[in-house]
Amino acid sequence: MSKDFNRVNLITINLAPPFKKDKETSNFTVELPEDNMTLKDLALHINNTCSSSLQVNLLDEKGLLSASFMVNGKHAPPKQVVNEGDVIVIYKRIGGG
């Protein structure tokens, strides 16, 4: 099977507060740089390439996620692989107990 090198994997990101900057749009499109990216990989990619759109980083200085994810309207773990066409909402991780 041959790989389609012309294929572009695009996903839509929706940043919820506090991640988006006040005057920035909360929705944007990201091209996935590689196949089989997890949500955590995606968070690192967004931190590195879209940091000007972020109010708060998605990972802290130790590499721990400060965000949670919904993919296509369903809660998703950080290990979930992102697929072309996914709509991903990134929102504040809430702790408690």
Protein backbone atom coordinates (compact mmCIF):
# COMPACT_ATOMS: atom_id res chain seq x y z
CA MET A 1 0.00 0.00 0.00
CA SER A 2 1.44 3.38 -0.95
CA LYS A 3 1.33 6.39 1.31
CA ASP A 4 -0.43 9.52 0.03
CA PHE A 5 2.19 12.24 0.52
CA ASN A 6 -0.23 14.94 -0.65
CA ARG A 7 -2.74 14.22 2.09
CA VAL A 8 -3.05 16.91 4.75
CA ASN A 9 -4.38 15.92 8.17
CA LEU A 10 -6.39 18.84 9.52
CA ILE A 11 -8.19 19.03 12.82
CA THR A 12 -10.21 21.81 14.44
CA ILE A 13 -9.23 23.07 17.88
CA ASN A 14 -11.56 24.97 20.21
CA LEU A 15 -9.77 26.50 23.21
CA ALA A 16 -11.91 27.10 26.27
CA PRO A 17 -10.95 29.65 28.95
CA PRO A 18 -8.41 30.12 30.46
CA PHE A 19 -6.30 28.83 27.55
CA LYS A 20 -7.33 31.29 24.84
CA LYS A 21 -6.24 34.90 24.93
CA ASP A 22 -9.08 37.38 25.44
CA LYS A 23 -9.05 38.90 21.97
CA GLU A 24 -8.02 35.76 20.10
CA THR A 25 -10.50 33.49 18.39
CA SER A 26 -11.12 30.27 20.29
CA ASN A 27 -11.34 28.15 17.11
CA PHE A 28 -8.50 27.39 14.75
CA THR A 29 -7.31 24.63 12.45
CA VAL A 30 -4.09 22.68 12.97
CA GLU A 31 -2.25 20.48 10.50
CA LEU A 32 -1.04 17.32 12.18
CA PRO A 33 2.70 16.98 11.60
CA GLU A 34 2.62 13.19 11.88
CA ASP A 35 0.28 10.22 11.97
CA ASN A 36 -0.69 8.54 15.24
CA MET A 37 -0.37 11.70 17.37
CA THR A 38 -1.98 11.43 20.77
CA LEU A 39 -3.84 14.28 22.43
CA LYS A 40 -0.85 14.83 24.72
CA ASP A 41 1.45 15.00 21.66
CA LEU A 42 -0.99 17.48 20.14
CA ALA A 43 -0.94 19.62 23.30
CA LEU A 44 2.87 19.76 23.10
CA HIS A 45 2.67 20.61 19.38
CA ILE A 46 0.21 23.46 20.08
CA ASN A 47 2.43 24.77 22.91
CA ASN A 48 5.40 24.82 20.51
CA THR A 49 3.71 26.19 17.38
CA CYS A 50 0.68 28.21 18.52
CA SER A 51 1.91 29.68 21.79
CA SER A 52 0.99 33.20 20.70
CA SER A 53 -2.68 32.13 20.78
CA LEU A 54 -2.44 30.69 24.30
CA GLN A 55 -3.09 32.55 27.54
CA VAL A 56 -1.94 29.53 29.58
CA ASN A 57 0.29 26.68 28.37
CA LEU A 58 -1.34 23.29 27.90
CA LEU A 59 1.56 21.57 29.67
CA ASP A 60 3.45 22.81 32.70
CA GLU A 61 7.25 23.09 32.96
CA LYS A 62 7.45 19.41 34.02
CA GLY A 63 5.49 18.27 30.96
CA LEU A 64 2.30 17.52 32.90
CA LEU A 65 -0.98 18.35 31.21
CA SER A 66 -2.97 21.26 32.58
CA ALA A 67 -5.76 20.54 30.08
CA SER A 68 -8.51 18.01 29.46
CA PHE A 69 -9.96 17.07 26.09
CA MET A 70 -13.19 16.36 24.29
CA VAL A 71 -12.99 14.81 20.84
CA ASN A 72 -16.07 15.08 18.64
CA GLY A 73 -18.21 15.83 21.70
CA LYS A 74 -16.94 13.01 23.95
CA HIS A 75 -14.42 13.14 26.80
CA ALA A 76 -11.10 11.66 25.72
CA PRO A 77 -7.94 10.52 27.55
CA PRO A 78 -4.55 12.07 26.71
CA LYS A 79 -3.43 8.78 25.09
CA GLN A 80 -6.20 8.90 22.47
CA VAL A 81 -4.93 9.14 18.90
CA VAL A 82 -6.09 12.16 16.92
CA ASN A 83 -7.67 11.54 13.51
CA GLU A 84 -8.13 13.75 10.48
CA GLY A 85 -11.30 15.82 10.77
CA ASP A 86 -11.57 15.57 14.57
CA VAL A 87 -12.99 18.53 16.44
CA ILE A 88 -11.12 18.89 19.73
CA VAL A 89 -12.18 21.04 22.67
CA ILE A 90 -9.38 21.81 25.11
CA TYR A 91 -10.54 22.90 28.55
CA LYS A 92 -9.13 23.38 32.05
CA ARG A 93 -8.37 20.18 33.93
CA ILE A 94 -10.49 20.07 37.06
CA GLY A 95 -9.23 18.28 40.14
CA GLY A 96 -11.16 17.32 43.17
CA GLY A 97 -12.11 14.51 45.33
